[in-house]
PDB file of all heavy atoms in Angstrom:
ATOM      1  N   GLY A   1      -1.397 -13.758   7.290  1.00  0.00           N
ATOM      2  CA  GLY A   1      -2.444 -14.772   7.228  1.00  0.00           C
ATOM      3  C   GLY A   1      -1.921 -16.132   6.808  1.00  0.00           C
ATOM      4  O   GLY A   1      -2.458 -17.166   7.241  1.00  0.00           O
ATOM      5  N   PHE A   2      -0.895 -16.163   5.980  1.00  0.00           N
ATOM      6  CA  PHE A   2      -0.309 -17.450   5.593  1.00  0.00           C
ATOM      7  C   PHE A   2       0.207 -18.172   6.828  1.00  0.00           C
ATOM      8  O   PHE A   2      -0.081 -19.361   7.041  1.00  0.00           O
ATOM      9  CB  PHE A   2       0.835 -17.237   4.591  1.00  0.00           C
ATOM     10  CG  PHE A   2       1.379 -18.508   4.005  1.00  0.00           C
ATOM     11  CD1 PHE A   2       1.014 -18.913   2.740  1.00  0.00           C
ATOM     12  CD2 PHE A   2       2.239 -19.331   4.726  1.00  0.00           C
ATOM     13  CE1 PHE A   2       1.492 -20.094   2.190  1.00  0.00           C
ATOM     14  CE2 PHE A   2       2.713 -20.512   4.200  1.00  0.00           C
ATOM     15  CZ  PHE A   2       2.351 -20.900   2.926  1.00  0.00           C
ATOM     16  N   PHE A   3       0.945 -17.467   7.674  1.00  0.00           N
ATOM     17  CA  PHE A   3       1.505 -18.097   8.863  1.00  0.00           C
ATOM     18  C   PHE A   3       0.429 -18.409   9.896  1.00  0.00           C
ATOM     19  O   PHE A   3       0.493 -19.429  10.583  1.00  0.00           O
ATOM     20  CB  PHE A   3       2.594 -17.202   9.456  1.00  0.00           C
ATOM     21  CG  PHE A   3       3.822 -17.130   8.592  1.00  0.00           C
ATOM     22  CD1 PHE A   3       3.948 -16.151   7.621  1.00  0.00           C
ATOM     23  CD2 PHE A   3       4.843 -18.059   8.734  1.00  0.00           C
ATOM     24  CE1 PHE A   3       5.065 -16.092   6.806  1.00  0.00           C
ATOM     25  CE2 PHE A   3       5.963 -18.011   7.929  1.00  0.00           C
ATOM     26  CZ  PHE A   3       6.075 -17.033   6.956  1.00  0.00           C
ATOM     27  N   SER A   4      -0.567 -17.541   9.999  1.00  0.00           N
ATOM     28  CA  SER A   4      -1.685 -17.820  10.911  1.00  0.00           C
ATOM     29  C   SER A   4      -2.399 -19.099  10.505  1.00  0.00           C
ATOM     30  O   SER A   4      -2.839 -19.883  11.355  1.00  0.00           O
ATOM     31  CB  SER A   4      -2.664 -16.652  10.925  1.00  0.00           C
ATOM     32  OG  SER A   4      -2.053 -15.484  11.458  1.00  0.00           O
ATOM     33  N   SER A   5      -2.490 -19.352   9.191  1.00  0.00           N
ATOM     34  CA  SER A   5      -3.166 -20.555   8.717  1.00  0.00           C
ATOM     35  C   SER A   5      -2.403 -21.822   9.112  1.00  0.00           C
ATOM     36  O   SER A   5      -2.979 -22.912   9.146  1.00  0.00           O
ATOM     37  CB  SER A   5      -3.333 -20.503   7.192  1.00  0.00           C
ATOM     38  OG  SER A   5      -2.152 -20.899   6.522  1.00  0.00           O
ATOM     39  N   LEU A   6      -1.108 -21.682   9.389  1.00  0.00           N
ATOM     40  CA  LEU A   6      -0.299 -22.815   9.828  1.00  0.00           C
ATOM     41  C   LEU A   6      -0.320 -22.983  11.337  1.00  0.00           C
ATOM     42  O   LEU A   6       0.312 -23.901  11.874  1.00  0.00           O
ATOM     43  CB  LEU A   6       1.156 -22.641   9.361  1.00  0.00           C
ATOM     44  CG  LEU A   6       1.397 -22.506   7.859  1.00  0.00           C
ATOM     45  CD1 LEU A   6       2.890 -22.350   7.580  1.00  0.00           C
ATOM     46  CD2 LEU A   6       0.837 -23.691   7.092  1.00  0.00           C
ATOM     47  N   GLY A   7      -1.038 -22.079  12.038  1.00  0.00           N
ATOM     48  CA  GLY A   7      -1.153 -22.180  13.483  1.00  0.00           C
ATOM     49  C   GLY A   7      -0.224 -21.276  14.258  1.00  0.00           C
ATOM     50  O   GLY A   7      -0.188 -21.332  15.494  1.00  0.00           O
ATOM     51  N   PHE A   8       0.542 -20.419  13.579  1.00  0.00           N
ATOM     52  CA  PHE A   8       1.422 -19.492  14.282  1.00  0.00           C
ATOM     53  C   PHE A   8       0.617 -18.332  14.854  1.00  0.00           C
ATOM     54  O   PHE A   8      -0.364 -17.890  14.254  1.00  0.00           O
ATOM     55  CB  PHE A   8       2.500 -18.948  13.336  1.00  0.00           C
ATOM     56  CG  PHE A   8       3.562 -19.955  12.971  1.00  0.00           C
ATOM     57  CD1 PHE A   8       3.401 -20.778  11.865  1.00  0.00           C
ATOM     58  CD2 PHE A   8       4.714 -20.089  13.728  1.00  0.00           C
ATOM     59  CE1 PHE A   8       4.367 -21.709  11.515  1.00  0.00           C
ATOM     60  CE2 PHE A   8       5.683 -21.015  13.389  1.00  0.00           C
ATOM     61  CZ  PHE A   8       5.519 -21.829  12.287  1.00  0.00           C
ATOM     62  N   ALA A   9       1.038 -17.840  16.002  1.00  0.00           N
ATOM     63  CA  ALA A   9       0.359 -16.715  16.640  1.00  0.00           C
ATOM     64  C   ALA A   9       0.482 -15.465  15.780  1.00  0.00           C
ATOM     65  O   ALA A   9       1.469 -15.294  15.059  1.00  0.00           O
ATOM     66  CB  ALA A   9       0.960 -16.464  18.028  1.00  0.00           C
ATOM     67  N   PRO A  10      -0.500 -14.567  15.856  1.00  0.00           N
ATOM     68  CA  PRO A  10      -0.422 -13.326  15.071  1.00  0.00           C
ATOM     69  C   PRO A  10       0.811 -12.510  15.452  1.00  0.00           C
ATOM     70  O   PRO A  10       1.372 -12.650  16.545  1.00  0.00           O
ATOM     71  CB  PRO A  10      -1.712 -12.585  15.445  1.00  0.00           C
ATOM     72  CG  PRO A  10      -2.620 -13.630  15.997  1.00  0.00           C
ATOM     73  CD  PRO A  10      -1.744 -14.653  16.642  1.00  0.00           C
ATOM     74  N   LEU A  11       1.221 -11.647  14.558  1.00  0.00           N
ATOM     75  CA  LEU A  11       2.317 -10.734  14.850  1.00  0.00           C
ATOM     76  C   LEU A  11       1.889  -9.771  15.950  1.00  0.00           C
ATOM     77  O   LEU A  11       0.704  -9.429  16.064  1.00  0.00           O
ATOM     78  CB  LEU A  11       2.706  -9.956  13.590  1.00  0.00           C
ATOM     79  CG  LEU A  11       3.349 -10.799  12.477  1.00  0.00           C
ATOM     80  CD1 LEU A  11       3.354 -10.030  11.157  1.00  0.00           C
ATOM     81  CD2 LEU A  11       4.758 -11.219  12.864  1.00  0.00           C
ATOM     82  N   PRO A  12       2.825  -9.315  16.780  1.00  0.00           N
ATOM     83  CA  PRO A  12       2.459  -8.400  17.864  1.00  0.00           C
ATOM     84  C   PRO A  12       1.995  -7.053  17.324  1.00  0.00           C
ATOM     85  O   PRO A  12       2.345  -6.665  16.202  1.00  0.00           O
ATOM     86  CB  PRO A  12       3.767  -8.252  18.653  1.00  0.00           C
ATOM     87  CG  PRO A  12       4.839  -8.553  17.663  1.00  0.00           C
ATOM     88  CD  PRO A  12       4.267  -9.606  16.756  1.00  0.00           C
ATOM     89  N   GLU A  13       1.217  -6.353  18.107  1.00  0.00           N
ATOM     90  CA  GLU A  13       0.708  -5.052  17.685  1.00  0.00           C
ATOM     91  C   GLU A  13       1.855  -4.079  17.376  1.00  0.00           C
ATOM     92  O   GLU A  13       1.752  -3.230  16.489  1.00  0.00           O
ATOM     93  CB  GLU A  13      -0.199  -4.461  18.774  1.00  0.00           C
ATOM     94  CG  GLU A  13      -0.925  -3.194  18.353  1.00  0.00           C
ATOM     95  CD  GLU A  13      -1.811  -3.397  17.127  1.00  0.00           C
ATOM     96  OE1 GLU A  13      -2.361  -4.498  16.958  1.00  0.00           O
ATOM     97  OE2 GLU A  13      -1.936  -2.443  16.327  1.00  0.00           O
ATOM     98  N   THR A  14       2.962  -4.236  18.114  1.00  0.00           N
ATOM     99  CA  THR A  14       4.098  -3.347  17.864  1.00  0.00           C
ATOM    100  C   THR A  14       4.671  -3.529  16.465  1.00  0.00           C
ATOM    101  O   THR A  14       5.287  -2.605  15.927  1.00  0.00           O
ATOM    102  CB  THR A  14       5.208  -3.586  18.901  1.00  0.00           C
ATOM    103  OG1 THR A  14       5.533  -4.992  18.924  1.00  0.00           O
ATOM    104  CG2 THR A  14       4.772  -3.137  20.281  1.00  0.00           C
ATOM    105  N   PHE A  15       4.508  -4.696  15.863  1.00  0.00           N
ATOM    106  CA  PHE A  15       4.984  -4.911  14.491  1.00  0.00           C
ATOM    107  C   PHE A  15       4.345  -3.889  13.560  1.00  0.00           C
ATOM    108  O   PHE A  15       5.022  -3.288  12.704  1.00  0.00           O
ATOM    109  CB  PHE A  15       4.637  -6.332  14.038  1.00  0.00           C
ATOM    110  CG  PHE A  15       4.946  -6.596  12.587  1.00  0.00           C
ATOM    111  CD1 PHE A  15       6.185  -7.088  12.213  1.00  0.00           C
ATOM    112  CD2 PHE A  15       3.997  -6.352  11.595  1.00  0.00           C
ATOM    113  CE1 PHE A  15       6.480  -7.334  10.873  1.00  0.00           C
ATOM    114  CE2 PHE A  15       4.279  -6.597  10.252  1.00  0.00           C
ATOM    115  CZ  PHE A  15       5.529  -7.081   9.893  1.00  0.00           C
ATOM    116  N   TRP A  16       3.042  -3.688  13.720  1.00  0.00           N
ATOM    117  CA  TRP A  16       2.317  -2.778  12.834  1.00  0.00           C
ATOM    118  C   TRP A  16       2.623  -1.320  13.166  1.00  0.00           C
ATOM    119  O   TRP A  16       2.555  -0.453  12.288  1.00  0.00           O
ATOM    120  CB  TRP A  16       0.824  -3.056  12.929  1.00  0.00           C
ATOM    121  CG  TRP A  16       0.522  -4.508  12.692  1.00  0.00           C
ATOM    122  CD1 TRP A  16       0.213  -5.463  13.624  1.00  0.00           C
ATOM    123  CD2 TRP A  16       0.566  -5.190  11.436  1.00  0.00           C
ATOM    124  NE1 TRP A  16       0.053  -6.687  13.030  1.00  0.00           N
ATOM    125  CE2 TRP A  16       0.264  -6.554  11.680  1.00  0.00           C
ATOM    126  CE3 TRP A  16       0.825  -4.785  10.128  1.00  0.00           C
ATOM    127  CZ2 TRP A  16       0.212  -7.496  10.664  1.00  0.00           C
ATOM    128  CZ3 TRP A  16       0.776  -5.729   9.111  1.00  0.00           C
ATOM    129  CH2 TRP A  16       0.472  -7.060   9.385  1.00  0.00           C
ATOM    130  N   GLN A  17       2.966  -1.045  14.402  1.00  0.00           N
ATOM    131  CA  GLN A  17       3.270   0.325  14.805  1.00  0.00           C
ATOM    132  C   GLN A  17       4.684   0.753  14.417  1.00  0.00           C
ATOM    133  O   GLN A  17       4.937   1.925  14.127  1.00  0.00           O
ATOM    134  CB  GLN A  17       3.113   0.466  16.327  1.00  0.00           C
ATOM    135  CG  GLN A  17       1.703   0.212  16.839  1.00  0.00           C
ATOM    136  CD  GLN A  17       1.664   0.014  18.349  1.00  0.00           C
ATOM    137  OE1 GLN A  17       2.701  -0.088  19.008  1.00  0.00           O
ATOM    138  NE2 GLN A  17       0.451  -0.059  18.904  1.00  0.00           N
ATOM    139  N   ARG A  18       5.622  -0.206  14.395  1.00  0.00           N
ATOM    140  CA  ARG A  18       7.043   0.149  14.289  1.00  0.00           C
ATOM    141  C   ARG A  18       7.695  -0.244  12.967  1.00  0.00           C
ATOM    142  O   ARG A  18       8.790   0.227  12.671  1.00  0.00           O
ATOM    143  CB  ARG A  18       7.810  -0.501  15.450  1.00  0.00           C
ATOM    144  CG  ARG A  18       7.328  -0.036  16.803  1.00  0.00           C
ATOM    145  CD  ARG A  18       7.928  -0.869  17.935  1.00  0.00           C
ATOM    146  NE  ARG A  18       7.395  -0.454  19.240  1.00  0.00           N
ATOM    147  CZ  ARG A  18       7.653  -1.075  20.381  1.00  0.00           C
ATOM    148  NH1 ARG A  18       8.443  -2.155  20.399  1.00  0.00           N
ATOM    149  NH2 ARG A  18       7.129  -0.637  21.511  1.00  0.00           N
ATOM    150  N   SER A  19       7.077  -1.116  12.202  1.00  0.00           N
ATOM    151  CA  SER A  19       7.687  -1.509  10.926  1.00  0.00           C
ATOM    152  C   SER A  19       7.688  -0.350   9.934  1.00  0.00           C
ATOM    153  O   SER A  19       6.834   0.545   9.994  1.00  0.00           O
ATOM    154  CB  SER A  19       6.919  -2.687  10.311  1.00  0.00           C
ATOM    155  OG  SER A  19       7.152  -3.882  11.008  1.00  0.00           O
ATOM    156  N   GLN A  20       8.649  -0.375   9.020  1.00  0.00           N
ATOM    157  CA  GLN A  20       8.627   0.518   7.858  1.00  0.00           C
ATOM    158  C   GLN A  20       8.084  -0.292   6.694  1.00  0.00           C
ATOM    159  O   GLN A  20       8.794  -1.081   6.084  1.00  0.00           O
ATOM    160  CB  GLN A  20      10.024   1.041   7.535  1.00  0.00           C
ATOM    161  CG  GLN A  20      10.051   1.917   6.274  1.00  0.00           C
ATOM    162  CD  GLN A  20      11.449   2.261   5.822  1.00  0.00           C
ATOM    163  OE1 GLN A  20      12.146   3.010   6.495  1.00  0.00           O
ATOM    164  NE2 GLN A  20      11.872   1.702   4.690  1.00  0.00           N
ATOM    165  N   ILE A  21       6.808  -0.130   6.416  1.00  0.00           N
ATOM    166  CA  ILE A  21       6.153  -0.908   5.365  1.00  0.00           C
ATOM    167  C   ILE A  21       6.200  -0.177   4.025  1.00  0.00           C
ATOM    168  O   ILE A  21       6.349  -0.794   2.969  1.00  0.00           O
ATOM    169  CB  ILE A  21       4.714  -1.257   5.772  1.00  0.00           C
ATOM    170  CG1 ILE A  21       4.750  -2.225   6.976  1.00  0.00           C
ATOM    171  CG2 ILE A  21       3.927  -1.862   4.616  1.00  0.00           C
ATOM    172  CD1 ILE A  21       3.394  -2.532   7.578  1.00  0.00           C
ATOM    173  N   THR A  22       6.075   1.144   4.058  1.00  0.00           N
ATOM    174  CA  THR A  22       6.190   1.948   2.845  1.00  0.00           C
ATOM    175  C   THR A  22       7.297   2.984   3.026  1.00  0.00           C
ATOM    176  O   THR A  22       7.718   3.273   4.148  1.00  0.00           O
ATOM    177  CB  THR A  22       4.873   2.668   2.520  1.00  0.00           C
ATOM    178  OG1 THR A  22       4.494   3.481   3.648  1.00  0.00           O
ATOM    179  CG2 THR A  22       3.764   1.671   2.232  1.00  0.00           C
ATOM    180  N   ARG A  23       7.747   3.528   1.952  1.00  0.00           N
ATOM    181  CA  ARG A  23       8.834   4.517   2.004  1.00  0.00           C
ATOM    182  C   ARG A  23       8.315   5.848   2.542  1.00  0.00           C
ATOM    183  O   ARG A  23       7.360   6.406   2.009  1.00  0.00           O
ATOM    184  CB  ARG A  23       9.423   4.730   0.618  1.00  0.00           C
ATOM    185  CG  ARG A  23      10.565   5.731   0.615  1.00  0.00           C
ATOM    186  CD  ARG A  23      11.269   5.801  -0.710  1.00  0.00           C
ATOM    187  NE  ARG A  23      12.501   6.560  -0.569  1.00  0.00           N
ATOM    188  CZ  ARG A  23      13.600   6.332  -1.260  1.00  0.00           C
ATOM    189  NH1 ARG A  23      13.618   5.356  -2.151  1.00  0.00           N
ATOM    190  NH2 ARG A  23      14.675   7.067  -1.077  1.00  0.00           N
ATOM    191  N   PRO A  24       8.931   6.366   3.603  1.00  0.00           N
ATOM    192  CA  PRO A  24       8.519   7.680   4.104  1.00  0.00           C
ATOM    193  C   PRO A  24       8.809   8.765   3.070  1.00  0.00           C
ATOM    194  O   PRO A  24       9.747   8.656   2.279  1.00  0.00           O
ATOM    195  CB  PRO A  24       9.396   7.869   5.357  1.00  0.00           C
ATOM    196  CG  PRO A  24       9.892   6.510   5.708  1.00  0.00           C
ATOM    197  CD  PRO A  24       9.998   5.769   4.417  1.00  0.00           C
ATOM    198  N   ARG A  25       8.013   9.801   3.106  1.00  0.00           N
ATOM    199  CA  ARG A  25       8.185  10.886   2.132  1.00  0.00           C
ATOM    200  C   ARG A  25       9.140  11.969   2.619  1.00  0.00           C
ATOM    201  O   ARG A  25       9.542  12.821   1.829  1.00  0.00           O
ATOM    202  CB  ARG A  25       6.823  11.529   1.825  1.00  0.00           C
ATOM    203  CG  ARG A  25       5.823  10.573   1.176  1.00  0.00           C
ATOM    204  CD  ARG A  25       4.519  11.291   0.876  1.00  0.00           C
ATOM    205  NE  ARG A  25       3.544  10.403   0.233  1.00  0.00           N
ATOM    206  CZ  ARG A  25       2.328  10.788  -0.134  1.00  0.00           C
ATOM    207  NH1 ARG A  25       1.935  12.039   0.087  1.00  0.00           N
ATOM    208  NH2 ARG A  25       1.501   9.930  -0.711  1.00  0.00           N
ATOM    209  N   ASP A  26       9.475  11.944   3.906  1.00  0.00           N
ATOM    210  CA  ASP A  26      10.182  13.086   4.484  1.00  0.00           C
ATOM    211  C   ASP A  26      11.651  12.822   4.801  1.00  0.00           C
ATOM    212  O   ASP A  26      12.301  13.643   5.439  1.00  0.00           O
ATOM    213  CB  ASP A  26       9.462  13.526   5.770  1.00  0.00           C
ATOM    214  CG  ASP A  26       9.433  12.422   6.820  1.00  0.00           C
ATOM    215  OD1 ASP A  26       9.662  11.244   6.456  1.00  0.00           O
ATOM    216  OD2 ASP A  26       9.205  12.734   8.012  1.00  0.00           O
ATOM    217  N   ARG A  27      12.204  11.673   4.387  1.00  0.00           N
ATOM    218  CA  ARG A  27      13.586  11.389   4.753  1.00  0.00           C
ATOM    219  C   ARG A  27      14.150  10.277   3.882  1.00  0.00           C
ATOM    220  O   ARG A  27      13.410   9.557   3.207  1.00  0.00           O
ATOM    221  CB  ARG A  27      13.676  10.986   6.226  1.00  0.00           C
ATOM    222  CG  ARG A  27      12.878   9.743   6.589  1.00  0.00           C
ATOM    223  CD  ARG A  27      12.901   9.525   8.093  1.00  0.00           C
ATOM    224  NE  ARG A  27      12.312   8.272   8.516  1.00  0.00           N
ATOM    225  CZ  ARG A  27      11.032   8.109   8.832  1.00  0.00           C
ATOM    226  NH1 ARG A  27      10.196   9.140   8.732  1.00  0.00           N
ATOM    227  NH2 ARG A  27      10.576   6.945   9.247  1.00  0.00           N
ATOM    228  N   GLU A  28      15.479  10.161   3.928  1.00  0.00           N
ATOM    229  CA  GLU A  28      16.163   9.086   3.215  1.00  0.00           C
ATOM    230  C   GLU A  28      16.168   7.832   4.076  1.00  0.00           C
ATOM    231  O   GLU A  28      16.393   7.906   5.297  1.00  0.00           O
ATOM    232  CB  GLU A  28      17.605   9.497   2.895  1.00  0.00           C
ATOM    233  CG  GLU A  28      17.722  10.606   1.863  1.00  0.00           C
ATOM    234  CD  GLU A  28      17.169  10.211   0.513  1.00  0.00           C
ATOM    235  OE1 GLU A  28      17.411   9.061   0.090  1.00  0.00           O
ATOM    236  OE2 GLU A  28      16.483  11.032  -0.119  1.00  0.00           O
ATOM    237  N   VAL A  29      15.918   6.683   3.445  1.00  0.00           N
ATOM    238  CA  VAL A  29      15.902   5.408   4.164  1.00  0.00           C
ATOM    239  C   VAL A  29      16.565   4.343   3.292  1.00  0.00           C
ATOM    240  O   VAL A  29      16.755   4.526   2.089  1.00  0.00           O
ATOM    241  CB  VAL A  29      14.453   4.961   4.495  1.00  0.00           C
ATOM    242  CG1 VAL A  29      13.749   5.981   5.366  1.00  0.00           C
ATOM    243  CG2 VAL A  29      13.660   4.697   3.209  1.00  0.00           C
ATOM    244  N   VAL A  30      16.904   3.222   3.914  1.00  0.00           N
ATOM    245  CA  VAL A  30      17.372   2.055   3.170  1.00  0.00           C
ATOM    246  C   VAL A  30      16.145   1.250   2.761  1.00  0.00           C
ATOM    247  O   VAL A  30      15.401   0.762   3.620  1.00  0.00           O
ATOM    248  CB  VAL A  30      18.320   1.189   4.026  1.00  0.00           C
ATOM    249  CG1 VAL A  30      18.704  -0.081   3.268  1.00  0.00           C
ATOM    250  CG2 VAL A  30      19.561   1.973   4.413  1.00  0.00           C
ATOM    251  N   CYS A  31      15.938   1.093   1.459  1.00  0.00           N
ATOM    252  CA  CYS A  31      14.743   0.394   0.987  1.00  0.00           C
ATOM    253  C   CYS A  31      14.945  -1.106   0.837  1.00  0.00           C
ATOM    254  O   CYS A  31      13.969  -1.844   0.702  1.00  0.00           O
ATOM    255  CB  CYS A  31      14.274   0.987  -0.345  1.00  0.00           C
ATOM    256  SG  CYS A  31      13.296   2.500  -0.151  1.00  0.00           S
ATOM    257  N   HIS A  32      16.192  -1.570   0.825  1.00  0.00           N
ATOM    258  CA  HIS A  32      16.445  -2.998   0.668  1.00  0.00           C
ATOM    259  C   HIS A  32      15.682  -3.773   1.746  1.00  0.00           C
ATOM    260  O   HIS A  32      15.840  -3.509   2.946  1.00  0.00           O
ATOM    261  CB  HIS A  32      17.941  -3.289   0.780  1.00  0.00           C
ATOM    262  CG  HIS A  32      18.310  -4.710   0.494  1.00  0.00           C
ATOM    263  ND1 HIS A  32      18.384  -5.213  -0.783  1.00  0.00           N
ATOM    264  CD2 HIS A  32      18.605  -5.749   1.307  1.00  0.00           C
ATOM    265  CE1 HIS A  32      18.726  -6.485  -0.740  1.00  0.00           C
ATOM    266  NE2 HIS A  32      18.857  -6.843   0.517  1.00  0.00           N
ATOM    267  N   ALA A  33      14.844  -4.710   1.332  1.00  0.00           N
ATOM    268  CA  ALA A  33      13.954  -5.400   2.265  1.00  0.00           C
ATOM    269  C   ALA A  33      14.746  -6.194   3.301  1.00  0.00           C
ATOM    270  O   ALA A  33      15.721  -6.869   2.983  1.00  0.00           O
ATOM    271  CB  ALA A  33      13.015  -6.328   1.506  1.00  0.00           C
ATOM    272  N   SER A  34      14.302  -6.124   4.558  1.00  0.00           N
ATOM    273  CA  SER A  34      14.958  -6.880   5.635  1.00  0.00           C
ATOM    274  C   SER A  34      13.964  -7.120   6.760  1.00  0.00           C
ATOM    275  O   SER A  34      12.944  -6.443   6.875  1.00  0.00           O
ATOM    276  CB  SER A  34      16.193  -6.139   6.160  1.00  0.00           C
ATOM    277  OG  SER A  34      15.875  -4.831   6.583  1.00  0.00           O
ATOM    278  N   ALA A  35      14.287  -8.124   7.587  1.00  0.00           N
ATOM    279  CA  ALA A  35      13.437  -8.500   8.720  1.00  0.00           C
ATOM    280  C   ALA A  35      14.250  -8.358   9.998  1.00  0.00           C
ATOM    281  O   ALA A  35      15.417  -8.757  10.046  1.00  0.00           O
ATOM    282  CB  ALA A  35      12.953  -9.939   8.560  1.00  0.00           C
ATOM    283  N   TRP A  36      13.641  -7.808  11.030  1.00  0.00           N
ATOM    284  CA  TRP A  36      14.350  -7.448  12.257  1.00  0.00           C
ATOM    285  C   TRP A  36      13.629  -8.000  13.484  1.00  0.00           C
ATOM    286  O   TRP A  36      12.412  -8.155  13.488  1.00  0.00           O
ATOM    287  CB  TRP A  36      14.421  -5.929  12.405  1.00  0.00           C
ATOM    288  CG  TRP A  36      15.126  -5.191  11.322  1.00  0.00           C
ATOM    289  CD1 TRP A  36      14.809  -5.163   9.982  1.00  0.00           C
ATOM    290  CD2 TRP A  36      16.267  -4.351  11.474  1.00  0.00           C
ATOM    291  NE1 TRP A  36      15.687  -4.364   9.304  1.00  0.00           N
ATOM    292  CE2 TRP A  36      16.591  -3.839  10.181  1.00  0.00           C
ATOM    293  CE3 TRP A  36      17.042  -3.951  12.567  1.00  0.00           C
ATOM    294  CZ2 TRP A  36      17.666  -2.975   9.975  1.00  0.00           C
ATOM    295  CZ3 TRP A  36      18.108  -3.083  12.352  1.00  0.00           C
ATOM    296  CH2 TRP A  36      18.421  -2.612  11.075  1.00  0.00           C
ATOM    297  N   ASN A  37      14.406  -8.244  14.530  1.00  0.00           N
ATOM    298  CA  ASN A  37      13.873  -8.437  15.871  1.00  0.00           C
ATOM    299  C   ASN A  37      14.773  -7.659  16.815  1.00  0.00           C
ATOM    300  O   ASN A  37      15.890  -8.068  17.109  1.00  0.00           O
ATOM    301  CB  ASN A  37      13.834  -9.917  16.265  1.00  0.00           C
ATOM    302  CG  ASN A  37      13.095 -10.136  17.577  1.00  0.00           C
ATOM    303  OD1 ASN A  37      12.752  -9.180  18.269  1.00  0.00           O
ATOM    304  ND2 ASN A  37      12.851 -11.378  17.928  1.00  0.00           N
ATOM    305  N   LEU A  38      14.289  -6.521  17.305  1.00  0.00           N
ATOM    306  CA  LEU A  38      15.168  -5.591  17.999  1.00  0.00           C
ATOM    307  C   LEU A  38      15.491  -5.986  19.427  1.00  0.00           C
ATOM    308  O   LEU A  38      16.531  -5.600  19.952  1.00  0.00           O
ATOM    309  CB  LEU A  38      14.593  -4.163  17.965  1.00  0.00           C
ATOM    310  CG  LEU A  38      15.026  -3.374  16.718  1.00  0.00           C
ATOM    311  CD1 LEU A  38      14.319  -3.869  15.479  1.00  0.00           C
ATOM    312  CD2 LEU A  38      14.837  -1.892  16.913  1.00  0.00           C
TER     313      LEU A  38
END
């Protein structure tokens, strides 16, 4: 919402489908925060 308020387009729907926002319970992951564009 901060970026939307500046006039930037919303994030794509795939962002919400594919991001790791919380730590999964069933596997080991890297928790160090990072931003990606695949």
